[in-house]
Amino acid sequence: MTNNLMNWETCKREFVRNVEVDNERVEAITEMALVRLNEIKLFNNISLKVEGYYEVVKELLVAYLLKNGFRSKNHQCLISYFYKENSNYETEAYLIGQMSFFRNRLGYYGEKVPEEFFISNKENFERIIKLLLDLIKK
């Protein structure tokens, strides 16, 4: 699985920079992610639901990096950092990568997200969001 993740050293060199921790911004990003999460529940379209869950996860990863003094210009580096810091959550990192893949296929090619992907992973999406919220609160 780790071969599918962007190399963290490449991320640090090319896409990630150190920034001052801004707890107010972390809180604002987290709050907006939760607003988005509530809106997803109103969607009827599976593809838009998966895209919405990915956006929530991505925003929480942005907040997580910022809380730890980093900013990334690359979404894949958000996942790489999460995995680097939480290697016991390899399955979750892989699923976030799959969400990113489907979100990109939807956004760039108009390809629908397979319904089975959503059905079999919805609870995992919710669990990942809770995990990220817990990591941000630490």
C-alpha atoms as a PDB file:
ATOM      1  CA  MET A   1       0.000   0.000   0.000  1.00  0.00           C
ATOM      2  CA  THR A   2       2.710   2.480   0.893  1.00  0.00           C
ATOM      3  CA  ASN A   3       3.963   2.443  -2.724  1.00  0.00           C
ATOM      4  CA  ASN A   4       0.729   4.225  -3.682  1.00  0.00           C
ATOM      5  CA  LEU A   5       1.503   7.145  -1.385  1.00  0.00           C
ATOM      6  CA  MET A   6       3.597  10.074  -2.435  1.00  0.00           C
ATOM      7  CA  ASN A   7       7.038   9.956  -0.853  1.00  0.00           C
ATOM      8  CA  TRP A   8       7.124  12.213   2.219  1.00  0.00           C
ATOM      9  CA  GLU A   9      10.668  13.393   1.462  1.00  0.00           C
ATOM     10  CA  THR A  10       9.515  14.505  -1.990  1.00  0.00           C
ATOM     11  CA  CYS A  11       6.568  16.244  -0.369  1.00  0.00           C
ATOM     12  CA  LYS A  12       8.819  18.105   2.085  1.00  0.00           C
ATOM     13  CA  ARG A  13      11.201  19.136  -0.672  1.00  0.00           C
ATOM     14  CA  GLU A  14       8.632  20.195  -3.293  1.00  0.00           C
ATOM     15  CA  PHE A  15       5.193  20.813  -1.788  1.00  0.00           C
ATOM     16  CA  VAL A  16       5.277  21.284   1.981  1.00  0.00           C
ATOM     17  CA  ARG A  17       6.569  24.216   3.965  1.00  0.00           C
ATOM     18  CA  ASN A  18       6.866  24.959   7.632  1.00  0.00           C
ATOM     19  CA  VAL A  19       4.427  27.541   8.943  1.00  0.00           C
ATOM     20  CA  GLU A  20       3.573  28.992  12.299  1.00  0.00           C
ATOM     21  CA  VAL A  21       0.853  27.028  14.062  1.00  0.00           C
ATOM     22  CA  ASP A  22      -2.393  28.986  13.867  1.00  0.00           C
ATOM     23  CA  ASN A  23      -4.921  27.406  16.226  1.00  0.00           C
ATOM     24  CA  GLU A  24      -7.677  29.834  15.239  1.00  0.00           C
ATOM     25  CA  ARG A  25      -7.296  28.827  11.603  1.00  0.00           C
ATOM     26  CA  VAL A  26      -7.196  25.135  12.571  1.00  0.00           C
ATOM     27  CA  GLU A  27     -10.476  25.629  14.424  1.00  0.00           C
ATOM     28  CA  ALA A  28     -12.060  27.561  11.538  1.00  0.00           C
ATOM     29  CA  ILE A  29     -11.074  24.910   8.978  1.00  0.00           C
ATOM     30  CA  THR A  30     -12.377  22.165  11.261  1.00  0.00           C
ATOM     31  CA  GLU A  31     -15.690  23.959  11.795  1.00  0.00           C
ATOM     32  CA  MET A  32     -16.178  24.444   8.055  1.00  0.00           C
ATOM     33  CA  ALA A  33     -15.420  20.765   7.445  1.00  0.00           C
ATOM     34  CA  LEU A  34     -18.173  19.864   9.921  1.00  0.00           C
ATOM     35  CA  VAL A  35     -20.606  22.217   8.161  1.00  0.00           C
ATOM     36  CA  ARG A  36     -19.761  20.475   4.893  1.00  0.00           C
ATOM     37  CA  LEU A  37     -20.270  17.079   6.564  1.00  0.00           C
ATOM     38  CA  ASN A  38     -23.809  18.053   7.574  1.00  0.00           C
ATOM     39  CA  GLU A  39     -24.565  19.158   4.005  1.00  0.00           C
ATOM     40  CA  ILE A  40     -23.408  15.828   2.547  1.00  0.00           C
ATOM     41  CA  LYS A  41     -26.248  14.069   4.314  1.00  0.00           C
ATOM     42  CA  LEU A  42     -28.691  16.017   2.098  1.00  0.00           C
ATOM     43  CA  PHE A  43     -27.133  14.761  -1.156  1.00  0.00           C
ATOM     44  CA  ASN A  44     -28.909  12.013  -3.083  1.00  0.00           C
ATOM     45  CA  ASN A  45     -26.151  11.374  -5.608  1.00  0.00           C
ATOM     46  CA  ILE A  46     -23.549   8.770  -4.559  1.00  0.00           C
ATOM     47  CA  SER A  47     -20.731  10.443  -6.516  1.00  0.00           C
ATOM     48  CA  LEU A  48     -21.395  13.796  -4.870  1.00  0.00           C
ATOM     49  CA  LYS A  49     -21.537  12.129  -1.457  1.00  0.00           C
ATOM     50  CA  VAL A  50     -18.107  10.528  -1.935  1.00  0.00           C
ATOM     51  CA  GLU A  51     -16.715  13.786  -3.293  1.00  0.00           C
ATOM     52  CA  GLY A  52     -18.147  15.574  -0.264  1.00  0.00           C
ATOM     53  CA  TYR A  53     -16.674  13.087   2.196  1.00  0.00           C
ATOM     54  CA  TYR A  54     -13.297  13.442   0.505  1.00  0.00           C
ATOM     55  CA  GLU A  55     -13.487  17.238   0.784  1.00  0.00           C
ATOM     56  CA  VAL A  56     -14.257  16.937   4.502  1.00  0.00           C
ATOM     57  CA  VAL A  57     -11.335  14.560   5.003  1.00  0.00           C
ATOM     58  CA  LYS A  58      -9.046  16.796   2.942  1.00  0.00           C
ATOM     59  CA  GLU A  59      -9.995  19.871   4.974  1.00  0.00           C
ATOM     60  CA  LEU A  60      -9.382  17.984   8.212  1.00  0.00           C
ATOM     61  CA  LEU A  61      -5.996  16.854   6.892  1.00  0.00           C
ATOM     62  CA  VAL A  62      -5.188  20.493   6.074  1.00  0.00           C
ATOM     63  CA  ALA A  63      -6.092  21.420   9.667  1.00  0.00           C
ATOM     64  CA  TYR A  64      -4.021  18.491  10.991  1.00  0.00           C
ATOM     65  CA  LEU A  65      -0.938  19.585   9.071  1.00  0.00           C
ATOM     66  CA  LEU A  66      -1.419  23.208  10.117  1.00  0.00           C
ATOM     67  CA  LYS A  67      -1.762  22.153  13.748  1.00  0.00           C
ATOM     68  CA  ASN A  68       1.642  20.499  13.367  1.00  0.00           C
ATOM     69  CA  GLY A  69       3.261  23.489  11.668  1.00  0.00           C
ATOM     70  CA  PHE A  70       2.991  22.497   7.992  1.00  0.00           C
ATOM     71  CA  ARG A  71       1.188  23.661   4.873  1.00  0.00           C
ATOM     72  CA  SER A  72       0.970  21.599   1.675  1.00  0.00           C
ATOM     73  CA  LYS A  73       0.306  22.604  -1.927  1.00  0.00           C
ATOM     74  CA  ASN A  74      -0.463  18.982  -2.830  1.00  0.00           C
ATOM     75  CA  HIS A  75      -3.379  16.848  -1.618  1.00  0.00           C
ATOM     76  CA  GLN A  76      -1.361  13.645  -1.887  1.00  0.00           C
ATOM     77  CA  CYS A  77       1.133  15.056   0.599  1.00  0.00           C
ATOM     78  CA  LEU A  78      -1.690  15.496   3.096  1.00  0.00           C
ATOM     79  CA  ILE A  79      -2.269  11.747   2.950  1.00  0.00           C
ATOM     80  CA  SER A  80       1.464  11.015   3.104  1.00  0.00           C
ATOM     81  CA  TYR A  81       1.853  13.129   6.236  1.00  0.00           C
ATOM     82  CA  PHE A  82      -1.127  11.446   7.880  1.00  0.00           C
ATOM     83  CA  TYR A  83       0.378   8.031   7.170  1.00  0.00           C
ATOM     84  CA  LYS A  84       3.895   9.079   8.227  1.00  0.00           C
ATOM     85  CA  GLU A  85       2.585  10.236  11.597  1.00  0.00           C
ATOM     86  CA  ASN A  86       0.070   7.403  12.024  1.00  0.00           C
ATOM     87  CA  SER A  87       1.513   4.321  10.361  1.00  0.00           C
ATOM     88  CA  ASN A  88      -0.905   2.127  12.319  1.00  0.00           C
ATOM     89  CA  TYR A  89      -3.689   3.595  10.131  1.00  0.00           C
ATOM     90  CA  GLU A  90      -2.430   2.234   6.823  1.00  0.00           C
ATOM     91  CA  THR A  91      -5.889   1.002   5.809  1.00  0.00           C
ATOM     92  CA  GLU A  92      -7.358   4.447   6.454  1.00  0.00           C
ATOM     93  CA  ALA A  93      -4.583   6.160   4.472  1.00  0.00           C
ATOM     94  CA  TYR A  94      -5.231   3.787   1.579  1.00  0.00           C
ATOM     95  CA  LEU A  95      -8.979   4.504   1.691  1.00  0.00           C
ATOM     96  CA  ILE A  96      -8.351   8.264   1.694  1.00  0.00           C
ATOM     97  CA  GLY A  97      -6.182   7.705  -1.385  1.00  0.00           C
ATOM     98  CA  GLN A  98      -9.036   5.813  -3.062  1.00  0.00           C
ATOM     99  CA  MET A  99     -11.439   8.621  -2.217  1.00  0.00           C
ATOM    100  CA  SER A 100      -9.011  11.083  -3.810  1.00  0.00           C
ATOM    101  CA  PHE A 101      -8.776   8.919  -6.926  1.00  0.00           C
ATOM    102  CA  PHE A 102     -12.559   8.726  -7.339  1.00  0.00           C
ATOM    103  CA  ARG A 103     -12.973  12.432  -6.613  1.00  0.00           C
ATOM    104  CA  ASN A 104     -10.409  13.265  -9.316  1.00  0.00           C
ATOM    105  CA  ARG A 105     -12.025  10.895 -11.840  1.00  0.00           C
ATOM    106  CA  LEU A 106     -15.369  12.561 -11.149  1.00  0.00           C
ATOM    107  CA  GLY A 107     -14.027  16.097 -11.339  1.00  0.00           C
ATOM    108  CA  TYR A 108     -11.766  15.724 -14.370  1.00  0.00           C
ATOM    109  CA  TYR A 109     -13.537  13.043 -16.433  1.00  0.00           C
ATOM    110  CA  GLY A 110     -17.117  13.018 -15.205  1.00  0.00           C
ATOM    111  CA  GLU A 111     -16.837   9.375 -14.153  1.00  0.00           C
ATOM    112  CA  LYS A 112     -19.365   8.298 -11.549  1.00  0.00           C
ATOM    113  CA  VAL A 113     -18.159   6.787  -8.296  1.00  0.00           C
ATOM    114  CA  PRO A 114     -19.152   3.111  -8.093  1.00  0.00           C
ATOM    115  CA  GLU A 115     -22.141   2.746  -5.787  1.00  0.00           C
ATOM    116  CA  GLU A 116     -20.545  -0.308  -4.139  1.00  0.00           C
ATOM    117  CA  PHE A 117     -17.520   1.794  -3.112  1.00  0.00           C
ATOM    118  CA  PHE A 118     -19.798   4.179  -1.231  1.00  0.00           C
ATOM    119  CA  ILE A 119     -21.997   1.482   0.302  1.00  0.00           C
ATOM    120  CA  SER A 120     -19.066  -0.590   1.536  1.00  0.00           C
ATOM    121  CA  ASN A 121     -17.099   2.385   2.892  1.00  0.00           C
ATOM    122  CA  LYS A 122     -19.583   4.957   4.225  1.00  0.00           C
ATOM    123  CA  GLU A 123     -19.019   3.864   7.825  1.00  0.00           C
ATOM    124  CA  ASN A 124     -15.260   3.964   7.239  1.00  0.00           C
ATOM    125  CA  PHE A 125     -15.541   7.539   5.919  1.00  0.00           C
ATOM    126  CA  GLU A 126     -17.317   8.527   9.130  1.00  0.00           C
ATOM    127  CA  ARG A 127     -14.721   6.691  11.241  1.00  0.00           C
ATOM    128  CA  ILE A 128     -11.833   8.432   9.432  1.00  0.00           C
ATOM    129  CA  ILE A 129     -13.471  11.800  10.041  1.00  0.00           C
ATOM    130  CA  LYS A 130     -13.809  11.016  13.752  1.00  0.00           C
ATOM    131  CA  LEU A 131     -10.184   9.856  13.856  1.00  0.00           C
ATOM    132  CA  LEU A 132      -8.980  13.079  12.228  1.00  0.00           C
ATOM    133  CA  LEU A 133     -11.071  15.190  14.600  1.00  0.00           C
ATOM    134  CA  ASP A 134      -9.492  13.335  17.533  1.00  0.00           C
ATOM    135  CA  LEU A 135      -5.982  13.872  16.113  1.00  0.00           C
ATOM    136  CA  ILE A 136      -6.657  17.579  15.658  1.00  0.00           C
ATOM    137  CA  LYS A 137      -7.904  17.919  19.250  1.00  0.00           C
ATOM    138  CA  LYS A 138      -4.757  16.309  20.729  1.00  0.00           C
END
